[in-house]
Amino acid sequence: MLTRLLSNIDGVKACLLSREGEIVGGYGDGNITLFHQAMKMASDLKFGTVEEMWFEGNLTTVVATIRGGSSLWLTSDVLPVGRLSHEARSLRPIIEDLIEV
């Protein structure tokens, strides 16, 4: 069900990574080391927690923190960062509910 949920967004590769960096669902890839570095930097600098990261270039990537240490990675070469961010915020509570079941 998770993989189907993540594959329903046209033009987007989406995957959910575990805290260890393993793909839990979806298709695509993510860089768990980069995600952990951002979380450590925010903690060390006392900025709070990382909720979302955005990367723009030839591909646009949005990474959202999922409760329990997982991360949602959405990548597209056609959708703008704002649209990906909206999708991440929309999917976050649904994914968290699926993981808790």
Protein backbone atom coordinates (compact mmCIF):
# COMPACT_ATOMS: atom_id res chain seq x y z
CA MET A 1 0.00 0.00 0.00
CA LEU A 2 2.84 2.38 0.82
CA THR A 3 4.50 1.82 -2.56
CA ARG A 4 1.19 2.44 -4.34
CA LEU A 5 0.64 5.64 -2.34
CA LEU A 6 4.10 6.90 -3.27
CA SER A 7 3.69 6.06 -6.97
CA ASN A 8 0.44 8.02 -7.40
CA ILE A 9 2.11 11.39 -8.07
CA ASP A 10 2.71 11.93 -11.79
CA GLY A 11 6.25 12.98 -12.68
CA VAL A 12 7.63 12.23 -9.21
CA LYS A 13 9.90 9.50 -7.92
CA ALA A 14 9.15 8.94 -4.26
CA CYS A 15 10.61 6.66 -1.65
CA LEU A 16 10.55 6.24 2.09
CA LEU A 17 13.89 5.49 3.74
CA SER A 18 14.28 3.93 7.16
CA ARG A 19 16.55 5.51 9.77
CA GLU A 20 19.30 3.17 8.47
CA GLY A 21 18.82 4.23 4.84
CA GLU A 22 16.99 1.17 3.55
CA ILE A 23 14.09 1.70 1.14
CA VAL A 24 10.86 0.89 2.97
CA GLY A 25 8.56 1.71 0.06
CA GLY A 26 8.34 3.49 -3.24
CA TYR A 27 10.84 3.94 -6.03
CA GLY A 28 13.72 6.36 -6.17
CA ASP A 29 16.67 7.02 -3.96
CA GLY A 30 17.84 9.21 -1.14
CA ASN A 31 21.03 10.06 0.68
CA ILE A 32 20.56 9.10 4.32
CA THR A 33 24.07 10.34 5.20
CA LEU A 34 23.18 13.84 3.99
CA PHE A 35 19.91 13.68 5.93
CA HIS A 36 21.71 12.64 9.13
CA GLN A 37 24.32 15.38 8.66
CA ALA A 38 21.60 18.03 8.35
CA MET A 39 19.88 16.72 11.48
CA LYS A 40 23.17 16.73 13.42
CA MET A 41 24.04 20.24 12.23
CA ALA A 42 20.63 21.58 13.29
CA SER A 43 21.02 19.93 16.67
CA ASP A 44 24.62 21.14 17.19
CA LEU A 45 23.66 24.71 16.27
CA LYS A 46 20.50 24.52 18.39
CA PHE A 47 18.27 25.38 15.40
CA GLY A 48 15.65 22.83 16.40
CA THR A 49 14.73 19.88 14.21
CA VAL A 50 14.84 19.33 10.47
CA GLU A 51 11.31 19.10 9.10
CA GLU A 52 12.09 19.48 5.40
CA MET A 53 15.06 20.00 3.08
CA TRP A 54 14.90 21.30 -0.49
CA PHE A 55 17.41 20.80 -3.29
CA GLU A 56 17.05 22.52 -6.65
CA GLY A 57 19.03 21.92 -9.84
CA ASN A 58 18.36 19.78 -12.90
CA LEU A 59 16.26 17.71 -10.51
CA THR A 60 14.23 19.09 -7.63
CA THR A 61 14.23 17.08 -4.42
CA VAL A 62 12.27 17.56 -1.23
CA VAL A 63 13.10 15.50 1.85
CA ALA A 64 10.59 15.39 4.70
CA THR A 65 11.16 13.97 8.17
CA ILE A 66 8.77 11.18 9.12
CA ARG A 67 8.11 10.35 12.77
CA GLY A 68 10.39 7.57 14.02
CA GLY A 69 13.48 8.68 12.08
CA SER A 70 12.39 7.78 8.56
CA SER A 71 12.58 10.21 5.66
CA LEU A 72 10.40 10.78 2.61
CA TRP A 73 12.26 11.66 -0.60
CA LEU A 74 10.37 13.21 -3.53
CA THR A 75 12.28 13.96 -6.74
CA SER A 76 11.06 15.46 -10.01
CA ASP A 77 12.45 17.07 -13.12
CA VAL A 78 9.12 18.74 -13.98
CA LEU A 79 7.47 19.89 -10.73
CA PRO A 80 8.64 22.96 -8.79
CA VAL A 81 9.90 22.72 -5.23
CA GLY A 82 6.71 24.25 -3.80
CA ARG A 83 4.55 21.54 -5.33
CA LEU A 84 6.87 18.79 -4.04
CA SER A 85 6.83 20.38 -0.59
CA HIS A 86 3.03 20.43 -0.64
CA GLU A 87 2.95 16.73 -1.61
CA ALA A 88 5.41 15.88 1.18
CA ARG A 89 3.30 17.71 3.78
CA SER A 90 0.15 15.99 2.47
CA LEU A 91 1.73 12.51 2.55
CA ARG A 92 3.47 12.82 5.92
CA PRO A 93 0.45 12.11 8.20
CA ILE A 94 -0.79 9.28 5.96
CA ILE A 95 2.62 7.59 5.97
CA GLU A 96 3.00 8.03 9.73
CA ASP A 97 -0.39 6.35 10.22
CA LEU A 98 0.62 3.47 7.92
CA ILE A 99 3.90 2.95 9.76
CA GLU A 100 2.19 2.82 13.18
CA VAL A 101 -0.26 0.10 12.09
